[in-house]
Amino acid sequence: MEIIEKKTRTEVGGTWTDRWESRRGGLSGLFGGTREHGRTYQNQTTIYEERQKQEFTDGSVEYTDWKEVKRNTQQVCIKSW
């Protein structure tokens, strides 16, 4: 009997931060000030793999090597302030 096994794994890549400032102003600058904002991002790659498993009538089992079926990379925000 032939069976297809599937697995998913996630690899984490580089991390980077975007920063910016906002200024608040009021009447003639009386309530002014700056505030720093930012977001930290990380690359995450999800890899989908599968292999074939062959079971024989004598009880022995053979596997093929895992092969990549699909790869999905996305930028994920892991921190925001």
N, C-alpha and C. Protein backbone atom coordinates (compact mmCIF):
# COMPACT_ATOMS: atom_id res chain seq x y z
N MET A 1 0.84 -1.16 0.00
CA MET A 1 0.00 0.00 0.00
C MET A 1 0.89 1.24 0.00
N GLU A 2 0.52 2.23 -0.79
CA GLU A 2 1.30 3.47 -0.88
C GLU A 2 0.58 4.58 -0.13
N ILE A 3 1.31 5.27 0.73
CA ILE A 3 0.75 6.35 1.55
C ILE A 3 1.61 7.60 1.33
N ILE A 4 0.97 8.76 1.25
CA ILE A 4 1.72 10.02 1.14
C ILE A 4 1.70 10.69 2.50
N GLU A 5 2.89 10.93 3.04
CA GLU A 5 3.03 11.63 4.32
C GLU A 5 3.35 13.08 4.03
N LYS A 6 2.80 13.99 4.85
CA LYS A 6 3.03 15.42 4.66
C LYS A 6 3.52 16.03 5.96
N LYS A 7 4.36 17.06 5.83
CA LYS A 7 4.79 17.81 7.01
C LYS A 7 4.99 19.27 6.63
N THR A 8 4.91 20.12 7.63
CA THR A 8 5.08 21.56 7.47
C THR A 8 6.12 22.02 8.48
N ARG A 9 7.04 22.86 8.04
CA ARG A 9 8.01 23.42 8.98
C ARG A 9 8.16 24.90 8.70
N THR A 10 8.57 25.64 9.71
CA THR A 10 8.71 27.09 9.59
C THR A 10 10.15 27.47 9.89
N GLU A 11 10.73 28.26 8.99
CA GLU A 11 12.08 28.81 9.20
C GLU A 11 11.96 30.30 9.44
N VAL A 12 12.72 30.79 10.41
CA VAL A 12 12.69 32.20 10.77
C VAL A 12 13.95 32.85 10.23
N GLY A 13 13.77 33.97 9.53
CA GLY A 13 14.90 34.65 8.90
C GLY A 13 15.22 35.97 9.58
N GLY A 14 15.68 36.90 8.78
CA GLY A 14 16.15 38.19 9.27
C GLY A 14 15.07 39.02 9.96
N THR A 15 15.53 39.89 10.85
CA THR A 15 14.66 40.79 11.59
C THR A 15 15.10 42.22 11.34
N TRP A 16 14.14 43.13 11.19
CA TRP A 16 14.47 44.54 11.00
C TRP A 16 13.40 45.39 11.66
N THR A 17 13.73 46.66 11.91
CA THR A 17 12.82 47.58 12.60
C THR A 17 12.66 48.85 11.78
N ASP A 18 11.41 49.28 11.64
CA ASP A 18 11.09 50.59 11.06
C ASP A 18 10.71 51.51 12.21
N ARG A 19 11.29 52.71 12.24
CA ARG A 19 11.00 53.68 13.30
C ARG A 19 10.62 55.01 12.68
N TRP A 20 9.74 55.74 13.36
CA TRP A 20 9.39 57.08 12.91
C TRP A 20 8.92 57.88 14.12
N GLU A 21 8.88 59.19 13.97
CA GLU A 21 8.46 60.08 15.05
C GLU A 21 7.21 60.83 14.61
N SER A 22 6.37 61.12 15.58
CA SER A 22 5.23 61.99 15.31
C SER A 22 5.30 63.15 16.28
N ARG A 23 4.88 64.29 15.81
CA ARG A 23 4.89 65.49 16.64
C ARG A 23 3.46 65.92 16.90
N ARG A 24 3.23 66.23 18.15
CA ARG A 24 1.90 66.72 18.50
C ARG A 24 2.02 68.20 18.82
N GLY A 25 1.14 68.94 18.27
CA GLY A 25 1.16 70.38 18.53
C GLY A 25 -0.18 70.81 19.09
N GLY A 26 -0.16 71.82 19.89
CA GLY A 26 -1.39 72.37 20.43
C GLY A 26 -1.45 73.84 20.12
N LEU A 27 -2.09 74.57 20.98
CA LEU A 27 -2.18 76.02 20.80
C LEU A 27 -0.79 76.62 20.89
N SER A 28 -0.32 77.12 19.78
CA SER A 28 1.00 77.77 19.70
C SER A 28 2.11 76.88 20.22
N GLY A 29 1.94 75.56 20.11
CA GLY A 29 3.00 74.64 20.51
C GLY A 29 3.10 74.40 22.00
N LEU A 30 2.09 74.83 22.77
CA LEU A 30 2.14 74.64 24.22
C LEU A 30 2.09 73.18 24.63
N PHE A 31 1.39 72.37 23.86
CA PHE A 31 1.24 70.96 24.20
C PHE A 31 2.03 70.06 23.25
N GLY A 32 3.09 70.61 22.72
CA GLY A 32 3.86 69.88 21.72
C GLY A 32 4.73 68.79 22.32
N GLY A 33 5.34 68.04 21.47
CA GLY A 33 6.23 66.97 21.89
C GLY A 33 6.35 65.96 20.76
N THR A 34 7.31 65.12 20.89
CA THR A 34 7.47 64.08 19.88
C THR A 34 7.29 62.72 20.54
N ARG A 35 6.87 61.80 19.74
CA ARG A 35 6.70 60.42 20.20
C ARG A 35 7.29 59.50 19.15
N GLU A 36 8.05 58.52 19.60
CA GLU A 36 8.65 57.57 18.67
C GLU A 36 7.73 56.37 18.51
N HIS A 37 7.60 55.93 17.28
CA HIS A 37 6.81 54.76 16.94
C HIS A 37 7.71 53.78 16.20
N GLY A 38 7.31 52.56 16.15
CA GLY A 38 8.09 51.59 15.39
C GLY A 38 7.41 50.24 15.30
N ARG A 39 7.93 49.46 14.39
CA ARG A 39 7.48 48.08 14.22
C ARG A 39 8.70 47.23 13.92
N THR A 40 8.74 46.07 14.53
CA THR A 40 9.80 45.11 14.25
C THR A 40 9.20 43.96 13.45
N TYR A 41 9.85 43.65 12.33
CA TYR A 41 9.38 42.61 11.43
C TYR A 41 10.36 41.46 11.38
N GLN A 42 9.86 40.32 10.94
CA GLN A 42 10.70 39.13 10.81
C GLN A 42 10.22 38.33 9.60
N ASN A 43 11.16 37.82 8.82
CA ASN A 43 10.80 36.94 7.71
C ASN A 43 10.51 35.55 8.25
N GLN A 44 9.37 34.99 7.86
CA GLN A 44 9.03 33.63 8.24
C GLN A 44 8.67 32.86 6.98
N THR A 45 9.33 31.74 6.79
CA THR A 45 9.10 30.90 5.61
C THR A 45 8.47 29.59 6.06
N THR A 46 7.31 29.29 5.51
CA THR A 46 6.64 28.02 5.76
C THR A 46 6.92 27.10 4.58
N ILE A 47 7.44 25.91 4.87
CA ILE A 47 7.80 24.95 3.84
C ILE A 47 6.91 23.72 3.99
N TYR A 48 6.25 23.38 2.89
CA TYR A 48 5.38 22.21 2.86
C TYR A 48 6.11 21.09 2.12
N GLU A 49 6.22 19.93 2.76
CA GLU A 49 6.95 18.81 2.18
C GLU A 49 6.10 17.54 2.23
N GLU A 50 6.43 16.62 1.35
CA GLU A 50 5.77 15.32 1.38
C GLU A 50 6.71 14.23 0.88
N ARG A 51 6.39 13.01 1.27
CA ARG A 51 7.14 11.84 0.82
C ARG A 51 6.19 10.65 0.71
N GLN A 52 6.62 9.64 0.01
CA GLN A 52 5.80 8.45 -0.15
C GLN A 52 6.30 7.35 0.78
N LYS A 53 5.36 6.65 1.34
CA LYS A 53 5.66 5.51 2.21
C LYS A 53 5.05 4.29 1.56
N GLN A 54 5.85 3.28 1.35
CA GLN A 54 5.39 2.05 0.70
C GLN A 54 5.45 0.91 1.71
N GLU A 55 4.29 0.30 1.99
CA GLU A 55 4.24 -0.84 2.91
C GLU A 55 4.03 -2.11 2.07
N PHE A 56 4.84 -3.11 2.34
CA PHE A 56 4.77 -4.36 1.59
C PHE A 56 4.10 -5.45 2.42
N THR A 57 3.65 -6.50 1.74
CA THR A 57 2.94 -7.57 2.41
C THR A 57 3.81 -8.35 3.40
N ASP A 58 5.13 -8.30 3.21
CA ASP A 58 6.02 -9.00 4.15
C ASP A 58 6.31 -8.17 5.40
N GLY A 59 5.68 -6.98 5.52
CA GLY A 59 5.86 -6.13 6.69
C GLY A 59 6.95 -5.09 6.56
N SER A 60 7.71 -5.13 5.47
CA SER A 60 8.76 -4.13 5.30
C SER A 60 8.16 -2.80 4.81
N VAL A 61 8.90 -1.72 5.08
CA VAL A 61 8.44 -0.37 4.73
C VAL A 61 9.59 0.37 4.06
N GLU A 62 9.28 1.11 2.99
CA GLU A 62 10.26 1.96 2.32
C GLU A 62 9.71 3.37 2.23
N TYR A 63 10.62 4.35 2.37
CA TYR A 63 10.26 5.75 2.28
C TYR A 63 11.06 6.40 1.16
N THR A 64 10.45 7.37 0.47
CA THR A 64 11.21 8.21 -0.45
C THR A 64 11.75 9.39 0.35
N ASP A 65 12.63 10.18 -0.22
CA ASP A 65 13.13 11.38 0.43
C ASP A 65 12.02 12.43 0.49
N TRP A 66 12.10 13.30 1.50
CA TRP A 66 11.16 14.41 1.57
C TRP A 66 11.41 15.34 0.39
N LYS A 67 10.35 15.81 -0.26
CA LYS A 67 10.50 16.79 -1.33
C LYS A 67 9.60 17.98 -1.05
N GLU A 68 10.11 19.14 -1.39
CA GLU A 68 9.39 20.38 -1.16
C GLU A 68 8.27 20.53 -2.20
N VAL A 69 7.07 20.78 -1.70
CA VAL A 69 5.92 20.94 -2.57
C VAL A 69 5.58 22.41 -2.75
N LYS A 70 5.72 23.19 -1.68
CA LYS A 70 5.35 24.60 -1.70
C LYS A 70 6.17 25.35 -0.67
N ARG A 71 6.43 26.63 -0.94
CA ARG A 71 7.17 27.49 -0.02
C ARG A 71 6.46 28.84 0.03
N ASN A 72 6.21 29.33 1.23
CA ASN A 72 5.52 30.60 1.40
C ASN A 72 6.31 31.46 2.37
N THR A 73 6.80 32.62 1.90
CA THR A 73 7.55 33.54 2.75
C THR A 73 6.73 34.79 2.98
N GLN A 74 6.67 35.20 4.24
CA GLN A 74 5.95 36.42 4.56
C GLN A 74 6.68 37.22 5.62
N GLN A 75 6.40 38.52 5.63
CA GLN A 75 6.97 39.41 6.64
C GLN A 75 5.94 39.56 7.74
N VAL A 76 6.33 39.20 8.95
CA VAL A 76 5.42 39.20 10.09
C VAL A 76 5.84 40.26 11.08
N CYS A 77 4.90 41.09 11.52
CA CYS A 77 5.18 42.08 12.55
C CYS A 77 5.19 41.37 13.91
N ILE A 78 6.34 41.41 14.60
CA ILE A 78 6.44 40.72 15.88
C ILE A 78 6.40 41.69 17.07
N LYS A 79 6.51 43.00 16.79
CA LYS A 79 6.45 43.98 17.87
C LYS A 79 6.06 45.33 17.29
N SER A 80 5.21 46.04 18.00
CA SER A 80 4.78 47.37 17.55
C SER A 80 4.67 48.27 18.76
N TRP A 81 5.10 49.53 18.63
CA TRP A 81 4.98 50.49 19.73
C TRP A 81 4.69 51.87 19.21
